[in-house]
Amino acid sequence: GSSRKEAVTALYDIRRAGISADIDYTGRSFKAQFKAAGSSGAVFA
């Protein structure tokens, strides 16, 4: 939770650079976020 604000700021910076990006909005655990990243088809976490 302490790094959530920085993660959201990074998300917006990435999108503003013209790179598609997403983030978890359901309160998943760290491990579950990685699983969601894989399911999303993302290239990078």
Full PDB file with SEQRES, HELIX, SHEET, SSBOND, CRYST1, ORIGX, SCALE, CONECT and MASTER records, all heavy atoms in Angstrom:
SEQRES   1 A   45  GLY SER SER ARG LYS GLU ALA VAL THR ALA LEU TYR ASP          
SEQRES   2 A   45  ILE ARG ARG ALA GLY ILE SER ALA ASP ILE ASP TYR THR          
SEQRES   3 A   45  GLY ARG SER PHE LYS ALA GLN PHE LYS ALA ALA GLY SER          
SEQRES   4 A   45  SER GLY ALA VAL PHE ALA                                      
HELIX    1 AA1 ARG A    4  ARG A   16  1                                  13    
HELIX    2 AA2 PHE A   30  SER A   40  1                                  11    
CRYST1    1.000    1.000    1.000  90.00  90.00  90.00 P 1           1          
ORIGX1      1.000000  0.000000  0.000000        0.00000                         
ORIGX2      0.000000  1.000000  0.000000        0.00000                         
ORIGX3      0.000000  0.000000  1.000000        0.00000                         
SCALE1      1.000000  0.000000  0.000000        0.00000                         
SCALE2      0.000000  1.000000  0.000000        0.00000                         
SCALE3      0.000000  0.000000  1.000000        0.00000                         
ATOM      1  N   GLY A   1       0.794  -1.218   0.000  1.00  0.00           N  
ATOM      2  CA  GLY A   1       0.000   0.000   0.000  1.00  0.00           C  
ATOM      3  C   GLY A   1       0.823   1.263   0.000  1.00  0.00           C  
ATOM      4  O   GLY A   1       0.416   2.289  -0.572  1.00  0.00           O  
ATOM      5  N   SER A   2       2.030   1.222   0.617  1.00  0.00           N  
ATOM      6  CA  SER A   2       2.841   2.433   0.715  1.00  0.00           C  
ATOM      7  C   SER A   2       3.385   2.885  -0.638  1.00  0.00           C  
ATOM      8  O   SER A   2       3.720   4.059  -0.815  1.00  0.00           O  
ATOM      9  CB  SER A   2       4.003   2.197   1.692  1.00  0.00           C  
ATOM     10  OG  SER A   2       4.900   1.220   1.170  1.00  0.00           O  
ATOM     11  N   SER A   3       3.496   1.953  -1.586  1.00  0.00           N  
ATOM     12  CA  SER A   3       4.043   2.300  -2.906  1.00  0.00           C  
ATOM     13  C   SER A   3       2.942   2.505  -3.951  1.00  0.00           C  
ATOM     14  O   SER A   3       3.233   2.721  -5.125  1.00  0.00           O  
ATOM     15  CB  SER A   3       5.006   1.211  -3.378  1.00  0.00           C  
ATOM     16  OG  SER A   3       4.379  -0.048  -3.357  1.00  0.00           O  
ATOM     17  N   ARG A   4       1.700   2.425  -3.513  1.00  0.00           N  
ATOM     18  CA  ARG A   4       0.574   2.525  -4.451  1.00  0.00           C  
ATOM     19  C   ARG A   4       0.547   3.865  -5.178  1.00  0.00           C  
ATOM     20  O   ARG A   4       0.345   3.926  -6.391  1.00  0.00           O  
ATOM     21  CB  ARG A   4      -0.734   2.316  -3.681  1.00  0.00           C  
ATOM     22  CG  ARG A   4      -2.008   2.502  -4.482  1.00  0.00           C  
ATOM     23  CD  ARG A   4      -2.223   1.389  -5.474  1.00  0.00           C  
ATOM     24  NE  ARG A   4      -3.543   1.468  -6.082  1.00  0.00           N  
ATOM     25  CZ  ARG A   4      -3.953   0.691  -7.060  1.00  0.00           C  
ATOM     26  NH1 ARG A   4      -3.138  -0.237  -7.548  1.00  0.00           N  
ATOM     27  NH2 ARG A   4      -5.167   0.812  -7.554  1.00  0.00           N  
ATOM     28  N   LYS A   5       0.753   4.950  -4.454  1.00  0.00           N  
ATOM     29  CA  LYS A   5       0.704   6.279  -5.063  1.00  0.00           C  
ATOM     30  C   LYS A   5       1.768   6.417  -6.139  1.00  0.00           C  
ATOM     31  O   LYS A   5       1.508   6.941  -7.233  1.00  0.00           O  
ATOM     32  CB  LYS A   5       0.877   7.353  -3.993  1.00  0.00           C  
ATOM     33  CG  LYS A   5       0.796   8.766  -4.536  1.00  0.00           C  
ATOM     34  CD  LYS A   5       0.928   9.792  -3.403  1.00  0.00           C  
ATOM     35  CE  LYS A   5       0.898  11.208  -3.961  1.00  0.00           C  
ATOM     36  NZ  LYS A   5       1.050  12.222  -2.883  1.00  0.00           N  
ATOM     37  N   GLU A   6       2.992   5.952  -5.859  1.00  0.00           N  
ATOM     38  CA  GLU A   6       4.066   6.030  -6.857  1.00  0.00           C  
ATOM     39  C   GLU A   6       3.758   5.155  -8.065  1.00  0.00           C  
ATOM     40  O   GLU A   6       4.099   5.507  -9.201  1.00  0.00           O  
ATOM     41  CB  GLU A   6       5.389   5.596  -6.226  1.00  0.00           C  
ATOM     42  CG  GLU A   6       5.971   6.598  -5.256  1.00  0.00           C  
ATOM     43  CD  GLU A   6       6.349   7.911  -5.937  1.00  0.00           C  
ATOM     44  OE1 GLU A   6       6.743   7.868  -7.116  1.00  0.00           O  
ATOM     45  OE2 GLU A   6       6.204   8.963  -5.304  1.00  0.00           O  
ATOM     46  N   ALA A   7       3.110   4.013  -7.819  1.00  0.00           N  
ATOM     47  CA  ALA A   7       2.758   3.123  -8.925  1.00  0.00           C  
ATOM     48  C   ALA A   7       1.753   3.792  -9.862  1.00  0.00           C  
ATOM     49  O   ALA A   7       1.875   3.714 -11.089  1.00  0.00           O  
ATOM     50  CB  ALA A   7       2.196   1.816  -8.378  1.00  0.00           C  
ATOM     51  N   VAL A   8       0.753   4.469  -9.277  1.00  0.00           N  
ATOM     52  CA  VAL A   8      -0.244   5.153 -10.098  1.00  0.00           C  
ATOM     53  C   VAL A   8       0.390   6.301 -10.875  1.00  0.00           C  
ATOM     54  O   VAL A   8       0.080   6.522 -12.054  1.00  0.00           O  
ATOM     55  CB  VAL A   8      -1.402   5.657  -9.216  1.00  0.00           C  
ATOM     56  CG1 VAL A   8      -2.337   6.551 -10.025  1.00  0.00           C  
ATOM     57  CG2 VAL A   8      -2.170   4.483  -8.624  1.00  0.00           C  
ATOM     58  N   THR A   9       1.312   7.043 -10.233  1.00  0.00           N  
ATOM     59  CA  THR A   9       2.012   8.132 -10.933  1.00  0.00           C  
ATOM     60  C   THR A   9       2.821   7.585 -12.101  1.00  0.00           C  
ATOM     61  O   THR A   9       2.829   8.160 -13.201  1.00  0.00           O  
ATOM     62  CB  THR A   9       2.934   8.881  -9.957  1.00  0.00           C  
ATOM     63  OG1 THR A   9       2.167   9.382  -8.866  1.00  0.00           O  
ATOM     64  CG2 THR A   9       3.632  10.025 -10.657  1.00  0.00           C  
ATOM     65  N   ALA A  10       3.499   6.458 -11.889  1.00  0.00           N  
ATOM     66  CA  ALA A  10       4.262   5.836 -12.967  1.00  0.00           C  
ATOM     67  C   ALA A  10       3.341   5.396 -14.102  1.00  0.00           C  
ATOM     68  O   ALA A  10       3.668   5.547 -15.286  1.00  0.00           O  
ATOM     69  CB  ALA A  10       5.048   4.642 -12.427  1.00  0.00           C  
ATOM     70  N   LEU A  11       2.170   4.863 -13.747  1.00  0.00           N  
ATOM     71  CA  LEU A  11       1.185   4.440 -14.756  1.00  0.00           C  
ATOM     72  C   LEU A  11       0.816   5.597 -15.672  1.00  0.00           C  
ATOM     73  O   LEU A  11       0.816   5.464 -16.906  1.00  0.00           O  
ATOM     74  CB  LEU A  11      -0.056   3.898 -14.045  1.00  0.00           C  
ATOM     75  CG  LEU A  11      -1.267   3.588 -14.925  1.00  0.00           C  
ATOM     76  CD1 LEU A  11      -1.014   2.356 -15.770  1.00  0.00           C  
ATOM     77  CD2 LEU A  11      -2.525   3.405 -14.062  1.00  0.00           C  
ATOM     78  N   TYR A  12       0.507   6.748 -15.065  1.00  0.00           N  
ATOM     79  CA  TYR A  12       0.107   7.899 -15.875  1.00  0.00           C  
ATOM     80  C   TYR A  12       1.256   8.405 -16.743  1.00  0.00           C  
ATOM     81  O   TYR A  12       1.055   8.800 -17.898  1.00  0.00           O  
ATOM     82  CB  TYR A  12      -0.420   9.018 -14.971  1.00  0.00           C  
ATOM     83  CG  TYR A  12      -1.729   8.695 -14.296  1.00  0.00           C  
ATOM     84  CD1 TYR A  12      -2.119   9.332 -13.134  1.00  0.00           C  
ATOM     85  CD2 TYR A  12      -2.592   7.744 -14.830  1.00  0.00           C  
ATOM     86  CE1 TYR A  12      -3.332   9.033 -12.503  1.00  0.00           C  
ATOM     87  CE2 TYR A  12      -3.792   7.437 -14.210  1.00  0.00           C  
ATOM     88  CZ  TYR A  12      -4.159   8.078 -13.055  1.00  0.00           C  
ATOM     89  OH  TYR A  12      -5.349   7.782 -12.449  1.00  0.00           O  
ATOM     90  N   ASP A  13       2.471   8.402 -16.209  1.00  0.00           N  
ATOM     91  CA  ASP A  13       3.631   8.840 -16.997  1.00  0.00           C  
ATOM     92  C   ASP A  13       3.838   7.935 -18.210  1.00  0.00           C  
ATOM     93  O   ASP A  13       4.153   8.402 -19.312  1.00  0.00           O  
ATOM     94  CB  ASP A  13       4.887   8.839 -16.127  1.00  0.00           C  
ATOM     95  CG  ASP A  13       4.899   9.971 -15.114  1.00  0.00           C  
ATOM     96  OD1 ASP A  13       4.102  10.921 -15.274  1.00  0.00           O  
ATOM     97  OD2 ASP A  13       5.702   9.905 -14.161  1.00  0.00           O  
ATOM     98  N   ILE A  14       3.691   6.638 -17.998  1.00  0.00           N  
ATOM     99  CA  ILE A  14       3.867   5.684 -19.098  1.00  0.00           C  
ATOM    100  C   ILE A  14       2.818   5.923 -20.177  1.00  0.00           C  
ATOM    101  O   ILE A  14       3.134   5.958 -21.374  1.00  0.00           O  
ATOM    102  CB  ILE A  14       3.786   4.237 -18.558  1.00  0.00           C  
ATOM    103  CG1 ILE A  14       4.973   3.945 -17.646  1.00  0.00           C  
ATOM    104  CG2 ILE A  14       3.752   3.232 -19.711  1.00  0.00           C  
ATOM    105  CD1 ILE A  14       4.836   2.656 -16.851  1.00  0.00           C  
ATOM    106  N   ARG A  15       1.577   6.095 -19.765  1.00  0.00           N  
ATOM    107  CA  ARG A  15       0.507   6.326 -20.744  1.00  0.00           C  
ATOM    108  C   ARG A  15       0.714   7.631 -21.500  1.00  0.00           C  
ATOM    109  O   ARG A  15       0.470   7.700 -22.719  1.00  0.00           O  
ATOM    110  CB  ARG A  15      -0.841   6.359 -20.032  1.00  0.00           C  
ATOM    111  CG  ARG A  15      -1.316   4.993 -19.557  1.00  0.00           C  
ATOM    112  CD  ARG A  15      -2.543   5.121 -18.697  1.00  0.00           C  
ATOM    113  NE  ARG A  15      -3.152   3.825 -18.370  1.00  0.00           N  
ATOM    114  CZ  ARG A  15      -4.123   3.672 -17.492  1.00  0.00           C  
ATOM    115  NH1 ARG A  15      -4.604   4.730 -16.832  1.00  0.00           N  
ATOM    116  NH2 ARG A  15      -4.629   2.472 -17.245  1.00  0.00           N  
ATOM    117  N   ARG A  16       1.145   8.678 -20.795  1.00  0.00           N  
ATOM    118  CA  ARG A  16       1.363   9.976 -21.452  1.00  0.00           C  
ATOM    119  C   ARG A  16       2.501   9.922 -22.454  1.00  0.00           C  
ATOM    120  O   ARG A  16       2.584  10.767 -23.352  1.00  0.00           O  
ATOM    121  CB  ARG A  16       1.627  11.055 -20.407  1.00  0.00           C  
ATOM    122  CG  ARG A  16       0.384  11.437 -19.607  1.00  0.00           C  
ATOM    123  CD  ARG A  16       0.732  12.271 -18.399  1.00  0.00           C  
ATOM    124  NE  ARG A  16      -0.449  12.567 -17.589  1.00  0.00           N  
ATOM    125  CZ  ARG A  16      -0.422  12.807 -16.298  1.00  0.00           C  
ATOM    126  NH1 ARG A  16       0.745  12.789 -15.644  1.00  0.00           N  
ATOM    127  NH2 ARG A  16      -1.538  13.050 -15.633  1.00  0.00           N  
ATOM    128  N   ALA A  17       3.365   8.929 -22.322  1.00  0.00           N  
ATOM    129  CA  ALA A  17       4.457   8.744 -23.276  1.00  0.00           C  
ATOM    130  C   ALA A  17       4.006   7.944 -24.496  1.00  0.00           C  
ATOM    131  O   ALA A  17       4.820   7.628 -25.371  1.00  0.00           O  
ATOM    132  CB  ALA A  17       5.634   8.041 -22.597  1.00  0.00           C  
ATOM    133  N   GLY A  18       2.710   7.611 -24.552  1.00  0.00           N  
ATOM    134  CA  GLY A  18       2.181   6.880 -25.700  1.00  0.00           C  
ATOM    135  C   GLY A  18       2.377   5.384 -25.616  1.00  0.00           C  
ATOM    136  O   GLY A  18       2.319   4.687 -26.627  1.00  0.00           O  
ATOM    137  N   ILE A  19       2.594   4.881 -24.404  1.00  0.00           N  
ATOM    138  CA  ILE A  19       2.788   3.449 -24.179  1.00  0.00           C  
ATOM    139  C   ILE A  19       1.566   2.918 -23.432  1.00  0.00           C  
ATOM    140  O   ILE A  19       1.147   3.497 -22.426  1.00  0.00           O  
ATOM    141  CB  ILE A  19       4.066   3.191 -23.361  1.00  0.00           C  
ATOM    142  CG1 ILE A  19       5.285   3.763 -24.091  1.00  0.00           C  
ATOM    143  CG2 ILE A  19       4.253   1.702 -23.096  1.00  0.00           C  
ATOM    144  CD1 ILE A  19       6.537   3.806 -23.246  1.00  0.00           C  
ATOM    145  N   SER A  20       0.992   1.832 -23.914  1.00  0.00           N  
ATOM    146  CA  SER A  20      -0.203   1.294 -23.264  1.00  0.00           C  
ATOM    147  C   SER A  20       0.170   0.639 -21.941  1.00  0.00           C  
ATOM    148  O   SER A  20       1.164  -0.086 -21.848  1.00  0.00           O  
ATOM    149  CB  SER A  20      -0.905   0.287 -24.176  1.00  0.00           C  
ATOM    150  OG  SER A  20      -0.072  -0.814 -24.465  1.00  0.00           O  
ATOM    151  N   ALA A  21      -0.630   0.908 -20.917  1.00  0.00           N  
ATOM    152  CA  ALA A  21      -0.314   0.395 -19.586  1.00  0.00           C  
ATOM    153  C   ALA A  21      -1.585   0.253 -18.775  1.00  0.00           C  
ATOM    154  O   ALA A  21      -2.596   0.920 -19.023  1.00  0.00           O  
ATOM    155  CB  ALA A  21       0.660   1.328 -18.874  1.00  0.00           C  
ATOM    156  N   ASP A  22      -1.520  -0.644 -17.779  1.00  0.00           N  
ATOM    157  CA  ASP A  22      -2.665  -0.847 -16.893  1.00  0.00           C  
ATOM    158  C   ASP A  22      -2.149  -1.180 -15.499  1.00  0.00           C  
ATOM    159  O   ASP A  22      -0.945  -1.371 -15.285  1.00  0.00           O  
ATOM    160  CB  ASP A  22      -3.549  -1.972 -17.421  1.00  0.00           C  
ATOM    161  CG  ASP A  22      -4.999  -1.831 -16.965  1.00  0.00           C  
ATOM    162  OD1 ASP A  22      -5.282  -0.949 -16.123  1.00  0.00           O  
ATOM    163  OD2 ASP A  22      -5.846  -2.596 -17.454  1.00  0.00           O  
ATOM    164  N   ILE A  23      -3.077  -1.253 -14.553  1.00  0.00           N  
ATOM    165  CA  ILE A  23      -2.747  -1.500 -13.157  1.00  0.00           C  
ATOM    166  C   ILE A  23      -3.919  -2.229 -12.510  1.00  0.00           C  
ATOM    167  O   ILE A  23      -5.044  -2.198 -13.035  1.00  0.00           O  
ATOM    168  CB  ILE A  23      -2.448  -0.165 -12.429  1.00  0.00           C  
ATOM    169  CG1 ILE A  23      -1.687  -0.386 -11.115  1.00  0.00           C  
ATOM    170  CG2 ILE A  23      -3.739   0.605 -12.180  1.00  0.00           C  
ATOM    171  CD1 ILE A  23      -1.168   0.911 -10.502  1.00  0.00           C  
ATOM    172  N   ASP A  24      -3.684  -2.884 -11.409  1.00  0.00           N  
ATOM    173  CA  ASP A  24      -4.757  -3.572 -10.692  1.00  0.00           C  
ATOM    174  C   ASP A  24      -5.597  -2.563  -9.897  1.00  0.00           C  
ATOM    175  O   ASP A  24      -5.059  -1.704  -9.207  1.00  0.00           O  
ATOM    176  CB  ASP A  24      -4.161  -4.604  -9.728  1.00  0.00           C  
ATOM    177  CG  ASP A  24      -5.219  -5.207  -8.825  1.00  0.00           C  
ATOM    178  OD1 ASP A  24      -6.175  -5.778  -9.380  1.00  0.00           O  
ATOM    179  OD2 ASP A  24      -5.108  -5.078  -7.592  1.00  0.00           O  
ATOM    180  N   TYR A  25      -6.912  -2.687 -10.010  1.00  0.00           N  
ATOM    181  CA  TYR A  25      -7.825  -1.822  -9.265  1.00  0.00           C  
ATOM    182  C   TYR A  25      -8.706  -2.616  -8.305  1.00  0.00           C  
ATOM    183  O   TYR A  25      -9.721  -2.105  -7.820  1.00  0.00           O  
ATOM    184  CB  TYR A  25      -8.724  -1.045 -10.236  1.00  0.00           C  
ATOM    185  CG  TYR A  25      -8.005   0.024 -11.031  1.00  0.00           C  
ATOM    186  CD1 TYR A  25      -7.772  -0.143 -12.386  1.00  0.00           C  
ATOM    187  CD2 TYR A  25      -7.569   1.205 -10.424  1.00  0.00           C  
ATOM    188  CE1 TYR A  25      -7.122   0.836 -13.134  1.00  0.00           C  
ATOM    189  CE2 TYR A  25      -6.922   2.184 -11.150  1.00  0.00           C  
ATOM    190  CZ  TYR A  25      -6.694   1.995 -12.508  1.00  0.00           C  
ATOM    191  OH  TYR A  25      -6.046   2.966 -13.240  1.00  0.00           O  
ATOM    192  N   THR A  26      -8.344  -3.858  -8.025  1.00  0.00           N  
ATOM    193  CA  THR A  26      -9.209  -4.697  -7.184  1.00  0.00           C  
ATOM    194  C   THR A  26      -8.557  -5.104  -5.872  1.00  0.00           C  
ATOM    195  O   THR A  26      -9.092  -5.938  -5.144  1.00  0.00           O  
ATOM    196  CB  THR A  26      -9.621  -5.977  -7.942  1.00  0.00           C  
ATOM    197  OG1 THR A  26      -8.447  -6.734  -8.270  1.00  0.00           O  
ATOM    198  CG2 THR A  26     -10.381  -5.625  -9.212  1.00  0.00           C  
ATOM    199  N   GLY A  27      -7.394  -4.547  -5.551  1.00  0.00           N  
ATOM    200  CA  GLY A  27      -6.746  -4.852  -4.281  1.00  0.00           C  
ATOM    201  C   GLY A  27      -6.099  -6.219  -4.224  1.00  0.00           C  
ATOM    202  O   GLY A  27      -6.011  -6.829  -3.151  1.00  0.00           O  
ATOM    203  N   ARG A  28      -5.629  -6.725  -5.362  1.00  0.00           N  
ATOM    204  CA  ARG A  28      -4.987  -8.036  -5.397  1.00  0.00           C  
ATOM    205  C   ARG A  28      -3.675  -8.034  -4.616  1.00  0.00           C  
ATOM    206  O   ARG A  28      -3.018  -7.001  -4.476  1.00  0.00           O  
ATOM    207  CB  ARG A  28      -4.697  -8.464  -6.837  1.00  0.00           C  
ATOM    208  CG  ARG A  28      -5.913  -8.836  -7.676  1.00  0.00           C  
ATOM    209  CD  ARG A  28      -5.461  -9.341  -9.037  1.00  0.00           C  
ATOM    210  NE  ARG A  28      -6.561  -9.804  -9.861  1.00  0.00           N  
ATOM    211  CZ  ARG A  28      -7.180  -9.069 -10.776  1.00  0.00           C  
ATOM    212  NH1 ARG A  28      -6.793  -7.807 -10.961  1.00  0.00           N  
ATOM    213  NH2 ARG A  28      -8.160  -9.577 -11.494  1.00  0.00           N  
ATOM    214  N   SER A  29      -3.277  -9.217  -4.181  1.00  0.00           N  
ATOM    215  CA  SER A  29      -1.980  -9.379  -3.524  1.00  0.00           C  
ATOM    216  C   SER A  29      -0.863  -9.202  -4.547  1.00  0.00           C  
ATOM    217  O   SER A  29      -1.100  -9.195  -5.764  1.00  0.00           O  
ATOM    218  CB  SER A  29      -1.875 -10.766  -2.893  1.00  0.00           C  
ATOM    219  OG  SER A  29      -1.858 -11.766  -3.904  1.00  0.00           O  
ATOM    220  N   PHE A  30       0.359  -9.077  -4.043  1.00  0.00           N  
ATOM    221  CA  PHE A  30       1.523  -8.918  -4.919  1.00  0.00           C  
ATOM    222  C   PHE A  30       1.599 -10.079  -5.915  1.00  0.00           C  
ATOM    223  O   PHE A  30       1.779  -9.881  -7.127  1.00  0.00           O  
ATOM    224  CB  PHE A  30       2.787  -8.854  -4.065  1.00  0.00           C  
ATOM    225  CG  PHE A  30       4.048  -8.566  -4.839  1.00  0.00           C  
ATOM    226  CD1 PHE A  30       4.203  -7.387  -5.541  1.00  0.00           C  
ATOM    227  CD2 PHE A  30       5.083  -9.503  -4.869  1.00  0.00           C  
ATOM    228  CE1 PHE A  30       5.367  -7.106  -6.245  1.00  0.00           C  
ATOM    229  CE2 PHE A  30       6.247  -9.243  -5.574  1.00  0.00           C  
ATOM    230  CZ  PHE A  30       6.383  -8.046  -6.262  1.00  0.00           C  
ATOM    231  N   LYS A  31       1.429 -11.293  -5.442  1.00  0.00           N  
ATOM    232  CA  LYS A  31       1.498 -12.475  -6.302  1.00  0.00           C  
ATOM    233  C   LYS A  31       0.355 -12.472  -7.318  1.00  0.00           C  
ATOM    234  O   LYS A  31       0.549 -12.797  -8.501  1.00  0.00           O  
ATOM    235  CB  LYS A  31       1.446 -13.741  -5.444  1.00  0.00           C  
ATOM    236  CG  LYS A  31       1.567 -15.024  -6.240  1.00  0.00           C  
ATOM    237  CD  LYS A  31       1.548 -16.240  -5.312  1.00  0.00           C  
ATOM    238  CE  LYS A  31       1.662 -17.529  -6.103  1.00  0.00           C  
ATOM    239  NZ  LYS A  31       1.632 -18.721  -5.193  1.00  0.00           N  
ATOM    240  N   ALA A  32      -0.824 -12.105  -6.874  1.00  0.00           N  
ATOM    241  CA  ALA A  32      -1.984 -12.089  -7.773  1.00  0.00           C  
ATOM    242  C   ALA A  32      -1.853 -11.005  -8.839  1.00  0.00           C  
ATOM    243  O   ALA A  32      -2.354 -11.157  -9.960  1.00  0.00           O  
ATOM    244  CB  ALA A  32      -3.267 -11.886  -6.973  1.00  0.00           C  
ATOM    245  N   GLN A  33      -1.170  -9.903  -8.515  1.00  0.00           N  
ATOM    246  CA  GLN A  33      -0.936  -8.865  -9.516  1.00  0.00           C  
ATOM    247  C   GLN A  33      -0.048  -9.390 -10.648  1.00  0.00           C  
ATOM    248  O   GLN A  33      -0.257  -9.069 -11.812  1.00  0.00           O  
ATOM    249  CB  GLN A  33      -0.294  -7.639  -8.872  1.00  0.00           C  
ATOM    250  CG  GLN A  33      -1.226  -6.833  -7.977  1.00  0.00           C  
ATOM    251  CD  GLN A  33      -0.528  -5.627  -7.376  1.00  0.00           C  
ATOM    252  OE1 GLN A  33      -0.170  -4.683  -8.086  1.00  0.00           O  
ATOM    253  NE2 GLN A  33      -0.317  -5.666  -6.061  1.00  0.00           N  
ATOM    254  N   PHE A  34       0.938 -10.200 -10.298  1.00  0.00           N  
ATOM    255  CA  PHE A  34       1.787 -10.797 -11.326  1.00  0.00           C  
ATOM    256  C   PHE A  34       0.967 -11.720 -12.236  1.00  0.00           C  
ATOM    257  O   PHE A  34       1.152 -11.749 -13.456  1.00  0.00           O  
ATOM    258  CB  PHE A  34       2.930 -11.591 -10.683  1.00  0.00           C  
ATOM    259  CG  PHE A  34       4.210 -10.815 -10.600  1.00  0.00           C  
ATOM    260  CD1 PHE A  34       4.642 -10.304  -9.389  1.00  0.00           C  
ATOM    261  CD2 PHE A  34       4.965 -10.566 -11.735  1.00  0.00           C  
ATOM    262  CE1 PHE A  34       5.818  -9.570  -9.310  1.00  0.00           C  
ATOM    263  CE2 PHE A  34       6.143  -9.840 -11.663  1.00  0.00           C  
ATOM    264  CZ  PHE A  34       6.575  -9.338 -10.444  1.00  0.00           C  
ATOM    265  N   LYS A  35       0.049 -12.457 -11.628  1.00  0.00           N  
ATOM    266  CA  LYS A  35      -0.802 -13.339 -12.414  1.00  0.00           C  
ATOM    267  C   LYS A  35      -1.686 -12.522 -13.357  1.00  0.00           C  
ATOM    268  O   LYS A  35      -1.885 -12.883 -14.524  1.00  0.00           O  
ATOM    269  CB  LYS A  35      -1.666 -14.187 -11.482  1.00  0.00           C  
ATOM    270  CG  LYS A  35      -2.462 -15.265 -12.196  1.00  0.00           C  
ATOM    271  CD  LYS A  35      -3.206 -16.153 -11.200  1.00  0.00           C  
ATOM    272  CE  LYS A  35      -3.986 -17.245 -11.929  1.00  0.00           C  
ATOM    273  NZ  LYS A  35      -4.706 -18.133 -10.976  1.00  0.00           N  
ATOM    274  N   ALA A  36      -2.205 -11.399 -12.850  1.00  0.00           N  
ATOM    275  CA  ALA A  36      -3.027 -10.518 -13.683  1.00  0.00           C  
ATOM    276  C   ALA A  36      -2.203  -9.923 -14.815  1.00  0.00           C  
ATOM    277  O   ALA A  36      -2.696  -9.756 -15.941  1.00  0.00           O  
ATOM    278  CB  ALA A  36      -3.631  -9.403 -12.827  1.00  0.00           C  
ATOM    279  N   ALA A  37      -0.945  -9.587 -14.529  1.00  0.00           N  
ATOM    280  CA  ALA A  37      -0.054  -9.044 -15.560  1.00  0.00           C  
ATOM    281  C   ALA A  37       0.125 -10.052 -16.689  1.00  0.00           C  
ATOM    282  O   ALA A  37       0.083  -9.702 -17.879  1.00  0.00           O  
ATOM    283  CB  ALA A  37       1.288  -8.678 -14.951  1.00  0.00           C  
ATOM    284  N   GLY A  38       0.328 -11.325 -16.323  1.00  0.00           N  
ATOM    285  CA  GLY A  38       0.470 -12.354 -17.346  1.00  0.00           C  
ATOM    286  C   GLY A  38      -0.793 -12.536 -18.156  1.00  0.00           C  
ATOM    287  O   GLY A  38      -0.745 -12.679 -19.385  1.00  0.00           O  
ATOM    288  N   SER A  39      -1.953 -12.505 -17.488  1.00  0.00           N  
ATOM    289  CA  SER A  39      -3.233 -12.676 -18.186  1.00  0.00           C  
ATOM    290  C   SER A  39      -3.537 -11.514 -19.119  1.00  0.00           C  
ATOM    291  O   SER A  39      -4.242 -11.670 -20.113  1.00  0.00           O  
ATOM    292  CB  SER A  39      -4.369 -12.817 -17.165  1.00  0.00           C  
ATOM    293  OG  SER A  39      -4.164 -13.935 -16.339  1.00  0.00           O  
ATOM    294  N   SER A  40      -3.021 -10.341 -18.796  1.00  0.00           N  
ATOM    295  CA  SER A  40      -3.304  -9.144 -19.606  1.00  0.00           C  
ATOM    296  C   SER A  40      -2.580  -9.154 -20.940  1.00  0.00           C  
ATOM    297  O   SER A  40      -2.919  -8.375 -21.839  1.00  0.00           O  
ATOM    298  CB  SER A  40      -2.910  -7.887 -18.828  1.00  0.00           C  
ATOM    299  OG  SER A  40      -1.487  -7.754 -18.768  1.00  0.00           O  
ATOM    300  N   GLY A  41      -1.560 -10.030 -21.062  1.00  0.00           N  
ATOM    301  CA  GLY A  41      -0.762 -10.043 -22.281  1.00  0.00           C  
ATOM    302  C   GLY A  41       0.329  -8.998 -22.309  1.00  0.00           C  
ATOM    303  O   GLY A  41       0.934  -8.758 -23.346  1.00  0.00           O  
ATOM    304  N   ALA A  42       0.565  -8.355 -21.170  1.00  0.00           N  
ATOM    305  CA  ALA A  42       1.586  -7.300 -21.106  1.00  0.00           C  
ATOM    306  C   ALA A  42       2.974  -7.860 -21.413  1.00  0.00           C  
ATOM    307  O   ALA A  42       3.282  -9.022 -21.118  1.00  0.00           O  
ATOM    308  CB  ALA A  42       1.581  -6.649 -19.728  1.00  0.00           C  
ATOM    309  N   VAL A  43       3.810  -7.005 -21.985  1.00  0.00           N  
ATOM    310  CA  VAL A  43       5.191  -7.383 -22.275  1.00  0.00           C  
ATOM    311  C   VAL A  43       6.046  -7.251 -21.020  1.00  0.00           C  
ATOM    312  O   VAL A  43       6.882  -8.110 -20.726  1.00  0.00           O  
ATOM    313  CB  VAL A  43       5.761  -6.496 -23.401  1.00  0.00           C  
ATOM    314  CG1 VAL A  43       7.219  -6.865 -23.694  1.00  0.00           C  
ATOM    315  CG2 VAL A  43       4.915  -6.620 -24.661  1.00  0.00           C  
ATOM    316  N   PHE A  44       5.818  -6.168 -20.254  1.00  0.00           N  
ATOM    317  CA  PHE A  44       6.630  -5.891 -19.072  1.00  0.00           C  
ATOM    318  C   PHE A  44       5.764  -5.716 -17.836  1.00  0.00           C  
ATOM    319  O   PHE A  44       4.641  -5.196 -17.913  1.00  0.00           O  
ATOM    320  CB  PHE A  44       7.450  -4.605 -19.251  1.00  0.00           C  
ATOM    321  CG  PHE A  44       8.462  -4.670 -20.357  1.00  0.00           C  
ATOM    322  CD1 PHE A  44       8.272  -3.949 -21.518  1.00  0.00           C  
ATOM    323  CD2 PHE A  44       9.604  -5.451 -20.239  1.00  0.00           C  
ATOM    324  CE1 PHE A  44       9.188  -4.007 -22.536  1.00  0.00           C  
ATOM    325  CE2 PHE A  44      10.522  -5.515 -21.261  1.00  0.00           C  
ATOM    326  CZ  PHE A  44      10.325  -4.790 -22.413  1.00  0.00           C  
ATOM    327  N   ALA A  45       6.305  -6.136 -16.724  1.00  0.00           N  
ATOM    328  CA  ALA A  45       5.765  -5.757 -15.427  1.00  0.00           C  
ATOM    329  C   ALA A  45       6.667  -4.678 -14.853  1.00  0.00           C  
ATOM    330  O   ALA A  45       7.893  -4.824 -14.830  1.00  0.00           O  
ATOM    331  CB  ALA A  45       5.723  -6.964 -14.492  1.00  0.00           C  
TER     332      ALA A  45                                                      
MASTER        0    0    0    2    0    0    0    6  331    1    0    4          
END                                                                             
